[in-house]
All heavy atoms as atom14 arrays in JSON, in Angstrom:
{
  "sequence": "HSATLLEYMLKDKKNQNGKINCTLLSTIGQFNIDNVCTNDELL",
  "atom14_mask": [
    [1, 1, 1, 1, 1, 1, 1, 1, 1, 1, 0, 0, 0, 0],
    [1, 1, 1, 1, 1, 1, 0, 0, 0, 0, 0, 0, 0, 0],
    [1, 1, 1, 1, 1, 0, 0, 0, 0, 0, 0, 0, 0, 0],
    [1, 1, 1, 1, 1, 1, 1, 0, 0, 0, 0, 0, 0, 0],
    [1, 1, 1, 1, 1, 1, 1, 1, 0, 0, 0, 0, 0, 0],
    [1, 1, 1, 1, 1, 1, 1, 1, 0, 0, 0, 0, 0, 0],
    [1, 1, 1, 1, 1, 1, 1, 1, 1, 0, 0, 0, 0, 0],
    [1, 1, 1, 1, 1, 1, 1, 1, 1, 1, 1, 1, 0, 0],
    [1, 1, 1, 1, 1, 1, 1, 1, 0, 0, 0, 0, 0, 0],
    [1, 1, 1, 1, 1, 1, 1, 1, 0, 0, 0, 0, 0, 0],
    [1, 1, 1, 1, 1, 1, 1, 1, 1, 0, 0, 0, 0, 0],
    [1, 1, 1, 1, 1, 1, 1, 1, 0, 0, 0, 0, 0, 0],
    [1, 1, 1, 1, 1, 1, 1, 1, 1, 0, 0, 0, 0, 0],
    [1, 1, 1, 1, 1, 1, 1, 1, 1, 0, 0, 0, 0, 0],
    [1, 1, 1, 1, 1, 1, 1, 1, 0, 0, 0, 0, 0, 0],
    [1, 1, 1, 1, 1, 1, 1, 1, 1, 0, 0, 0, 0, 0],
    [1, 1, 1, 1, 1, 1, 1, 1, 0, 0, 0, 0, 0, 0],
    [1, 1, 1, 1, 0, 0, 0, 0, 0, 0, 0, 0, 0, 0],
    [1, 1, 1, 1, 1, 1, 1, 1, 1, 0, 0, 0, 0, 0],
    [1, 1, 1, 1, 1, 1, 1, 1, 0, 0, 0, 0, 0, 0],
    [1, 1, 1, 1, 1, 1, 1, 1, 0, 0, 0, 0, 0, 0],
    [1, 1, 1, 1, 1, 1, 0, 0, 0, 0, 0, 0, 0, 0],
    [1, 1, 1, 1, 1, 1, 1, 0, 0, 0, 0, 0, 0, 0],
    [1, 1, 1, 1, 1, 1, 1, 1, 0, 0, 0, 0, 0, 0],
    [1, 1, 1, 1, 1, 1, 1, 1, 0, 0, 0, 0, 0, 0],
    [1, 1, 1, 1, 1, 1, 0, 0, 0, 0, 0, 0, 0, 0],
    [1, 1, 1, 1, 1, 1, 1, 0, 0, 0, 0, 0, 0, 0],
    [1, 1, 1, 1, 1, 1, 1, 1, 0, 0, 0, 0, 0, 0],
    [1, 1, 1, 1, 0, 0, 0, 0, 0, 0, 0, 0, 0, 0],
    [1, 1, 1, 1, 1, 1, 1, 1, 1, 0, 0, 0, 0, 0],
    [1, 1, 1, 1, 1, 1, 1, 1, 1, 1, 1, 0, 0, 0],
    [1, 1, 1, 1, 1, 1, 1, 1, 0, 0, 0, 0, 0, 0],
    [1, 1, 1, 1, 1, 1, 1, 1, 0, 0, 0, 0, 0, 0],
    [1, 1, 1, 1, 1, 1, 1, 1, 0, 0, 0, 0, 0, 0],
    [1, 1, 1, 1, 1, 1, 1, 1, 0, 0, 0, 0, 0, 0],
    [1, 1, 1, 1, 1, 1, 1, 0, 0, 0, 0, 0, 0, 0],
    [1, 1, 1, 1, 1, 1, 0, 0, 0, 0, 0, 0, 0, 0],
    [1, 1, 1, 1, 1, 1, 1, 0, 0, 0, 0, 0, 0, 0],
    [1, 1, 1, 1, 1, 1, 1, 1, 0, 0, 0, 0, 0, 0],
    [1, 1, 1, 1, 1, 1, 1, 1, 0, 0, 0, 0, 0, 0],
    [1, 1, 1, 1, 1, 1, 1, 1, 1, 0, 0, 0, 0, 0],
    [1, 1, 1, 1, 1, 1, 1, 1, 0, 0, 0, 0, 0, 0],
    [1, 1, 1, 1, 1, 1, 1, 1, 0, 0, 0, 0, 0, 0]
  ],
  "atom14_positions": [
    [[16.4, -10.88, 5.21], [15.31, -10.55, 4.28], [15.15, -8.98, 4.1], [14.95, -8.41, 3.07], [14.02, -11.11, 4.6], [14.09, -12.64, 4.6], [14.27, -13.34, 3.46], [14.05, -13.57, 5.62], [14.31, -14.63, 3.64], [14.11, -14.95, 5.05], [0.0, 0.0, 0.0], [0.0, 0.0, 0.0], [0.0, 0.0, 0.0], [0.0, 0.0, 0.0]],
    [[15.42, -8.26, 5.29], [15.26, -6.84, 5.23], [16.37, -6.2, 4.36], [16.05, -5.3, 3.59], [15.42, -6.29, 6.54], [14.27, -6.75, 7.42], [0.0, 0.0, 0.0], [0.0, 0.0, 0.0], [0.0, 0.0, 0.0], [0.0, 0.0, 0.0], [0.0, 0.0, 0.0], [0.0, 0.0, 0.0], [0.0, 0.0, 0.0], [0.0, 0.0, 0.0]],
    [[17.53, -6.79, 4.46], [18.61, -6.25, 3.59], [18.3, -6.46, 2.19], [18.62, -5.61, 1.35], [20.0, -6.88, 4.01], [0.0, 0.0, 0.0], [0.0, 0.0, 0.0], [0.0, 0.0, 0.0], [0.0, 0.0, 0.0], [0.0, 0.0, 0.0], [0.0, 0.0, 0.0], [0.0, 0.0, 0.0], [0.0, 0.0, 0.0], [0.0, 0.0, 0.0]],
    [[17.84, -7.63, 1.8], [17.52, -7.91, 0.4], [16.42, -6.97, -0.14], [16.43, -6.47, -1.16], [16.99, -9.43, 0.37], [18.03, -10.28, 0.85], [16.68, -9.86, -0.99], [0.0, 0.0, 0.0], [0.0, 0.0, 0.0], [0.0, 0.0, 0.0], [0.0, 0.0, 0.0], [0.0, 0.0, 0.0], [0.0, 0.0, 0.0], [0.0, 0.0, 0.0]],
    [[15.4, -6.78, 0.73], [14.36, -5.75, 0.33], [14.91, -4.38, 0.08], [14.55, -3.71, -0.82], [13.21, -5.8, 1.36], [12.29, -6.95, 1.41], [11.36, -6.81, 2.56], [11.45, -6.93, 0.16], [0.0, 0.0, 0.0], [0.0, 0.0, 0.0], [0.0, 0.0, 0.0], [0.0, 0.0, 0.0], [0.0, 0.0, 0.0], [0.0, 0.0, 0.0]],
    [[15.81, -4.0, 1.02], [16.41, -2.75, 0.86], [17.22, -2.57, -0.43], [17.15, -1.6, -1.2], [17.39, -2.32, 2.0], [17.97, -1.07, 2.08], [17.0, -0.06, 2.16], [19.03, -0.94, 3.34], [0.0, 0.0, 0.0], [0.0, 0.0, 0.0], [0.0, 0.0, 0.0], [0.0, 0.0, 0.0], [0.0, 0.0, 0.0], [0.0, 0.0, 0.0]],
    [[17.88, -3.73, -0.78], [18.62, -3.79, -2.18], [17.69, -3.42, -3.33], [17.93, -2.67, -4.27], [19.31, -5.0, -2.34], [20.55, -5.17, -1.42], [21.24, -6.55, -1.75], [21.22, -7.01, -2.82], [21.75, -7.07, -0.71], [0.0, 0.0, 0.0], [0.0, 0.0, 0.0], [0.0, 0.0, 0.0], [0.0, 0.0, 0.0], [0.0, 0.0, 0.0]],
    [[16.5, -4.19, -3.3], [15.44, -3.91, -4.3], [14.93, -2.48, -4.28], [14.7, -1.87, -5.31], [14.24, -4.86, -4.24], [14.72, -6.27, -4.63], [14.79, -7.39, -3.8], [14.95, -6.54, -6.05], [15.06, -8.54, -4.28], [15.24, -7.84, -6.43], [15.33, -8.82, -5.5], [15.69, -10.15, -5.97], [0.0, 0.0, 0.0], [0.0, 0.0, 0.0]],
    [[14.72, -1.94, -3.07], [14.2, -0.52, -2.95], [15.2, 0.43, -3.52], [14.64, 1.43, -4.07], [13.85, -0.39, -1.46], [12.68, -1.11, -0.86], [12.64, -1.01, 0.83], [11.92, 0.61, 1.05], [0.0, 0.0, 0.0], [0.0, 0.0, 0.0], [0.0, 0.0, 0.0], [0.0, 0.0, 0.0], [0.0, 0.0, 0.0], [0.0, 0.0, 0.0]],
    [[16.44, 0.17, -3.38], [17.45, 1.08, -3.89], [17.3, 1.22, -5.53], [17.75, 2.26, -5.97], [18.84, 0.66, -3.49], [19.17, 0.96, -2.06], [20.43, 0.28, -1.67], [19.36, 2.47, -1.84], [0.0, 0.0, 0.0], [0.0, 0.0, 0.0], [0.0, 0.0, 0.0], [0.0, 0.0, 0.0], [0.0, 0.0, 0.0], [0.0, 0.0, 0.0]],
    [[16.69, 0.21, -6.08], [16.72, 0.26, -7.56], [15.4, 0.88, -8.14], [15.21, 0.99, -9.29], [16.84, -1.22, -8.12], [18.15, -1.8, -7.7], [18.27, -3.24, -8.15], [19.62, -3.77, -7.71], [19.76, -5.24, -8.07], [0.0, 0.0, 0.0], [0.0, 0.0, 0.0], [0.0, 0.0, 0.0], [0.0, 0.0, 0.0], [0.0, 0.0, 0.0]],
    [[14.49, 1.27, -7.19], [13.33, 1.94, -7.67], [13.58, 3.15, -8.48], [14.38, 3.96, -8.17], [12.4, 2.22, -6.41], [10.94, 2.57, -6.87], [10.81, 3.73, -7.25], [10.15, 1.77, -6.69], [0.0, 0.0, 0.0], [0.0, 0.0, 0.0], [0.0, 0.0, 0.0], [0.0, 0.0, 0.0], [0.0, 0.0, 0.0], [0.0, 0.0, 0.0]],
    [[12.75, 3.35, -9.57], [13.03, 4.43, -10.53], [12.5, 5.81, -9.83], [12.92, 6.77, -10.41], [12.11, 4.19, -11.73], [10.58, 4.22, -11.58], [9.84, 3.96, -12.83], [8.38, 3.89, -12.6], [7.61, 3.45, -13.87], [0.0, 0.0, 0.0], [0.0, 0.0, 0.0], [0.0, 0.0, 0.0], [0.0, 0.0, 0.0], [0.0, 0.0, 0.0]],
    [[11.82, 5.79, -8.89], [11.43, 7.09, -8.18], [12.47, 7.71, -7.3], [12.42, 8.82, -6.8], [10.17, 6.95, -7.38], [8.92, 6.6, -8.33], [7.67, 6.42, -7.38], [7.66, 5.25, -6.51], [7.66, 3.93, -7.07], [0.0, 0.0, 0.0], [0.0, 0.0, 0.0], [0.0, 0.0, 0.0], [0.0, 0.0, 0.0], [0.0, 0.0, 0.0]],
    [[13.56, 6.88, -7.01], [14.64, 7.37, -6.19], [15.45, 8.52, -6.82], [15.38, 8.52, -8.13], [15.62, 6.24, -5.81], [14.83, 5.22, -4.91], [13.87, 5.53, -4.28], [15.44, 3.96, -4.98], [0.0, 0.0, 0.0], [0.0, 0.0, 0.0], [0.0, 0.0, 0.0], [0.0, 0.0, 0.0], [0.0, 0.0, 0.0], [0.0, 0.0, 0.0]],
    [[16.06, 9.28, -6.13], [16.83, 10.37, -6.77], [18.22, 10.53, -6.0], [18.29, 10.49, -4.82], [16.15, 11.72, -6.48], [14.8, 11.79, -7.2], [14.04, 13.03, -6.92], [14.42, 13.84, -6.1], [12.97, 13.27, -7.68], [0.0, 0.0, 0.0], [0.0, 0.0, 0.0], [0.0, 0.0, 0.0], [0.0, 0.0, 0.0], [0.0, 0.0, 0.0]],
    [[19.29, 10.53, -6.8], [20.64, 10.6, -6.29], [21.0, 9.65, -5.37], [21.64, 9.82, -4.3], [20.88, 12.03, -5.75], [20.62, 13.13, -6.75], [21.0, 13.06, -7.9], [19.96, 14.22, -6.32], [0.0, 0.0, 0.0], [0.0, 0.0, 0.0], [0.0, 0.0, 0.0], [0.0, 0.0, 0.0], [0.0, 0.0, 0.0], [0.0, 0.0, 0.0]],
    [[20.56, 8.25, -5.57], [20.9, 7.17, -4.61], [20.13, 7.3, -3.27], [20.49, 6.41, -2.42], [0.0, 0.0, 0.0], [0.0, 0.0, 0.0], [0.0, 0.0, 0.0], [0.0, 0.0, 0.0], [0.0, 0.0, 0.0], [0.0, 0.0, 0.0], [0.0, 0.0, 0.0], [0.0, 0.0, 0.0], [0.0, 0.0, 0.0], [0.0, 0.0, 0.0]],
    [[19.16, 8.1, -3.14], [18.36, 8.14, -1.98], [16.93, 7.59, -2.09], [16.34, 7.89, -3.27], [18.31, 9.63, -1.48], [19.59, 10.14, -1.11], [19.5, 11.51, -0.52], [20.95, 12.02, -0.14], [20.93, 13.4, 0.22], [0.0, 0.0, 0.0], [0.0, 0.0, 0.0], [0.0, 0.0, 0.0], [0.0, 0.0, 0.0], [0.0, 0.0, 0.0]],
    [[16.49, 6.86, -1.25], [15.23, 6.2, -1.39], [14.13, 7.17, -1.08], [13.99, 7.76, -0.03], [15.11, 4.96, -0.57], [16.11, 3.86, -0.96], [13.69, 4.37, -0.56], [16.15, 2.7, -0.11], [0.0, 0.0, 0.0], [0.0, 0.0, 0.0], [0.0, 0.0, 0.0], [0.0, 0.0, 0.0], [0.0, 0.0, 0.0], [0.0, 0.0, 0.0]],
    [[13.21, 7.41, -2.07], [12.12, 8.32, -2.02], [10.81, 7.54, -1.63], [10.43, 6.58, -2.35], [11.96, 8.93, -3.39], [10.97, 10.15, -3.4], [10.49, 10.52, -2.35], [10.74, 10.69, -4.52], [0.0, 0.0, 0.0], [0.0, 0.0, 0.0], [0.0, 0.0, 0.0], [0.0, 0.0, 0.0], [0.0, 0.0, 0.0], [0.0, 0.0, 0.0]],
    [[10.18, 7.9, -0.58], [9.05, 7.2, 0.02], [7.84, 8.09, -0.02], [7.88, 9.25, 0.14], [9.33, 6.82, 1.43], [10.76, 5.64, 1.63], [0.0, 0.0, 0.0], [0.0, 0.0, 0.0], [0.0, 0.0, 0.0], [0.0, 0.0, 0.0], [0.0, 0.0, 0.0], [0.0, 0.0, 0.0], [0.0, 0.0, 0.0], [0.0, 0.0, 0.0]],
    [[6.68, 7.52, -0.08], [5.4, 8.07, 0.05], [4.87, 7.48, 1.48], [4.85, 6.27, 1.61], [4.39, 7.76, -1.03], [4.87, 8.25, -2.23], [3.02, 8.29, -0.73], [0.0, 0.0, 0.0], [0.0, 0.0, 0.0], [0.0, 0.0, 0.0], [0.0, 0.0, 0.0], [0.0, 0.0, 0.0], [0.0, 0.0, 0.0], [0.0, 0.0, 0.0]],
    [[4.62, 8.42, 2.34], [4.22, 7.93, 3.67], [2.8, 8.44, 3.98], [2.37, 9.53, 3.68], [5.13, 8.52, 4.76], [6.62, 8.16, 4.54], [7.51, 9.03, 5.58], [6.87, 6.78, 4.59], [0.0, 0.0, 0.0], [0.0, 0.0, 0.0], [0.0, 0.0, 0.0], [0.0, 0.0, 0.0], [0.0, 0.0, 0.0], [0.0, 0.0, 0.0]],
    [[2.01, 7.57, 4.71], [0.65, 8.01, 5.17], [0.74, 8.86, 6.41], [1.43, 8.56, 7.35], [-0.12, 6.73, 5.51], [-0.38, 5.82, 4.3], [-1.13, 4.58, 4.79], [-1.24, 6.44, 3.23], [0.0, 0.0, 0.0], [0.0, 0.0, 0.0], [0.0, 0.0, 0.0], [0.0, 0.0, 0.0], [0.0, 0.0, 0.0], [0.0, 0.0, 0.0]],
    [[0.02, 9.97, 6.5], [-0.08, 10.77, 7.61], [-1.33, 10.49, 8.53], [-1.28, 10.41, 9.62], [0.02, 12.24, 7.28], [-0.93, 12.62, 6.34], [0.0, 0.0, 0.0], [0.0, 0.0, 0.0], [0.0, 0.0, 0.0], [0.0, 0.0, 0.0], [0.0, 0.0, 0.0], [0.0, 0.0, 0.0], [0.0, 0.0, 0.0], [0.0, 0.0, 0.0]],
    [[-2.38, 10.29, 7.68], [-3.65, 9.82, 8.41], [-4.45, 9.03, 7.3], [-3.96, 8.96, 6.15], [-4.55, 11.05, 8.88], [-4.88, 11.8, 7.68], [-3.89, 11.82, 9.89], [0.0, 0.0, 0.0], [0.0, 0.0, 0.0], [0.0, 0.0, 0.0], [0.0, 0.0, 0.0], [0.0, 0.0, 0.0], [0.0, 0.0, 0.0], [0.0, 0.0, 0.0]],
    [[-5.49, 8.46, 7.7], [-6.27, 7.7, 6.63], [-6.71, 8.66, 5.48], [-7.25, 9.68, 5.77], [-7.63, 7.03, 7.26], [-7.11, 6.05, 8.34], [-8.46, 6.47, 6.25], [-8.3, 5.5, 9.13], [0.0, 0.0, 0.0], [0.0, 0.0, 0.0], [0.0, 0.0, 0.0], [0.0, 0.0, 0.0], [0.0, 0.0, 0.0], [0.0, 0.0, 0.0]],
    [[-6.33, 8.28, 4.35], [-6.7, 9.14, 3.13], [-5.61, 10.26, 2.94], [-5.8, 10.97, 1.88], [0.0, 0.0, 0.0], [0.0, 0.0, 0.0], [0.0, 0.0, 0.0], [0.0, 0.0, 0.0], [0.0, 0.0, 0.0], [0.0, 0.0, 0.0], [0.0, 0.0, 0.0], [0.0, 0.0, 0.0], [0.0, 0.0, 0.0], [0.0, 0.0, 0.0]],
    [[-4.72, 10.5, 3.77], [-3.81, 11.62, 3.56], [-2.42, 11.06, 3.53], [-2.0, 10.18, 4.28], [-3.86, 12.53, 4.76], [-5.25, 13.22, 4.9], [-5.55, 14.15, 3.8], [-4.57, 14.93, 3.37], [-6.77, 14.0, 3.26], [0.0, 0.0, 0.0], [0.0, 0.0, 0.0], [0.0, 0.0, 0.0], [0.0, 0.0, 0.0], [0.0, 0.0, 0.0]],
    [[-1.61, 11.54, 2.6], [-0.25, 11.06, 2.4], [0.73, 12.1, 2.2], [0.32, 13.33, 1.68], [-0.13, 9.96, 1.34], [-0.73, 10.51, 0.07], [0.19, 11.3, -0.88], [-2.08, 10.48, -0.33], [-0.4, 11.74, -2.11], [-2.52, 11.06, -1.45], [-1.68, 11.56, -2.4], [0.0, 0.0, 0.0], [0.0, 0.0, 0.0], [0.0, 0.0, 0.0]],
    [[2.01, 11.87, 2.24], [3.07, 12.91, 1.89], [4.0, 12.21, 0.92], [4.51, 11.12, 1.35], [3.88, 13.23, 3.31], [3.0, 13.97, 4.28], [2.33, 14.99, 4.0], [2.92, 13.47, 5.42], [0.0, 0.0, 0.0], [0.0, 0.0, 0.0], [0.0, 0.0, 0.0], [0.0, 0.0, 0.0], [0.0, 0.0, 0.0], [0.0, 0.0, 0.0]],
    [[4.3, 12.88, -0.14], [5.15, 12.29, -1.09], [6.58, 12.84, -0.93], [6.83, 13.94, -0.25], [4.66, 12.44, -2.62], [4.42, 13.92, -2.84], [3.28, 11.7, -2.64], [4.09, 14.21, -4.27], [0.0, 0.0, 0.0], [0.0, 0.0, 0.0], [0.0, 0.0, 0.0], [0.0, 0.0, 0.0], [0.0, 0.0, 0.0], [0.0, 0.0, 0.0]],
    [[7.62, 12.31, -1.55], [8.81, 12.84, -1.72], [9.57, 12.84, -0.32], [10.16, 13.89, 0.05], [9.01, 14.05, -2.39], [8.48, 13.95, -3.9], [8.72, 12.89, -4.41], [8.08, 15.0, -4.41], [0.0, 0.0, 0.0], [0.0, 0.0, 0.0], [0.0, 0.0, 0.0], [0.0, 0.0, 0.0], [0.0, 0.0, 0.0], [0.0, 0.0, 0.0]],
    [[9.4, 11.91, 0.53], [10.06, 11.76, 1.8], [11.32, 10.9, 1.62], [11.28, 9.71, 1.22], [9.21, 11.07, 2.8], [7.98, 11.85, 3.11], [8.0, 12.92, 3.77], [6.92, 11.61, 2.54], [0.0, 0.0, 0.0], [0.0, 0.0, 0.0], [0.0, 0.0, 0.0], [0.0, 0.0, 0.0], [0.0, 0.0, 0.0], [0.0, 0.0, 0.0]],
    [[12.44, 11.42, 1.89], [13.71, 10.69, 1.82], [14.0, 10.06, 3.07], [13.9, 10.71, 4.22], [14.91, 11.62, 1.4], [16.29, 10.8, 1.47], [14.72, 12.21, 0.13], [0.0, 0.0, 0.0], [0.0, 0.0, 0.0], [0.0, 0.0, 0.0], [0.0, 0.0, 0.0], [0.0, 0.0, 0.0], [0.0, 0.0, 0.0], [0.0, 0.0, 0.0]],
    [[14.13, 8.65, 3.18], [14.4, 7.9, 4.26], [15.83, 7.4, 4.23], [16.3, 6.97, 3.14], [13.33, 6.78, 4.41], [11.74, 7.4, 4.58], [0.0, 0.0, 0.0], [0.0, 0.0, 0.0], [0.0, 0.0, 0.0], [0.0, 0.0, 0.0], [0.0, 0.0, 0.0], [0.0, 0.0, 0.0], [0.0, 0.0, 0.0], [0.0, 0.0, 0.0]],
    [[16.45, 7.25, 5.33], [17.73, 6.74, 5.43], [17.68, 5.16, 5.37], [16.73, 4.56, 5.69], [18.58, 7.14, 6.65], [17.9, 6.59, 7.81], [18.61, 8.61, 6.82], [0.0, 0.0, 0.0], [0.0, 0.0, 0.0], [0.0, 0.0, 0.0], [0.0, 0.0, 0.0], [0.0, 0.0, 0.0], [0.0, 0.0, 0.0], [0.0, 0.0, 0.0]],
    [[18.78, 4.45, 4.96], [18.73, 2.98, 4.97], [18.52, 2.47, 6.45], [17.76, 1.55, 6.62], [20.16, 2.58, 4.54], [20.32, 2.8, 3.02], [19.44, 3.28, 2.43], [21.47, 2.47, 2.54], [0.0, 0.0, 0.0], [0.0, 0.0, 0.0], [0.0, 0.0, 0.0], [0.0, 0.0, 0.0], [0.0, 0.0, 0.0], [0.0, 0.0, 0.0]],
    [[19.08, 3.18, 7.42], [18.83, 2.81, 8.82], [17.35, 2.9, 9.14], [16.82, 1.94, 9.95], [19.73, 3.53, 9.75], [21.12, 3.2, 9.7], [21.52, 2.23, 9.26], [21.93, 4.06, 10.14], [0.0, 0.0, 0.0], [0.0, 0.0, 0.0], [0.0, 0.0, 0.0], [0.0, 0.0, 0.0], [0.0, 0.0, 0.0], [0.0, 0.0, 0.0]],
    [[16.64, 3.87, 8.78], [15.2, 4.08, 9.11], [14.43, 3.07, 8.38], [13.49, 2.42, 8.99], [14.79, 5.48, 8.65], [15.21, 6.53, 9.45], [14.97, 7.97, 8.79], [14.92, 8.04, 7.66], [14.87, 8.92, 9.61], [0.0, 0.0, 0.0], [0.0, 0.0, 0.0], [0.0, 0.0, 0.0], [0.0, 0.0, 0.0], [0.0, 0.0, 0.0]],
    [[14.76, 2.75, 7.13], [14.12, 1.72, 6.34], [14.19, 0.27, 6.96], [13.38, -0.48, 7.13], [14.51, 1.77, 4.83], [14.0, 3.02, 4.16], [14.65, 3.15, 2.78], [12.47, 2.98, 3.95], [0.0, 0.0, 0.0], [0.0, 0.0, 0.0], [0.0, 0.0, 0.0], [0.0, 0.0, 0.0], [0.0, 0.0, 0.0], [0.0, 0.0, 0.0]],
    [[15.48, 0.05, 7.34], [15.82, -1.3, 7.95], [15.16, -1.44, 9.21], [14.63, -2.57, 9.55], [17.31, -1.55, 8.11], [18.03, -1.81, 6.75], [19.58, -1.82, 7.04], [17.65, -3.16, 6.24], [0.0, 0.0, 0.0], [0.0, 0.0, 0.0], [0.0, 0.0, 0.0], [0.0, 0.0, 0.0], [0.0, 0.0, 0.0], [0.0, 0.0, 0.0]]
  ]
}
């Protein structure tokens, strides 16, 4: 199921150059945009 989700994530329009672009929470109400995560990290 994780591999299937990763396939869908790769198709997201916010990705750039085949890399998955993530928005990550740093604390409650605070976030960081444009974080590139590897497939291994996401899996």
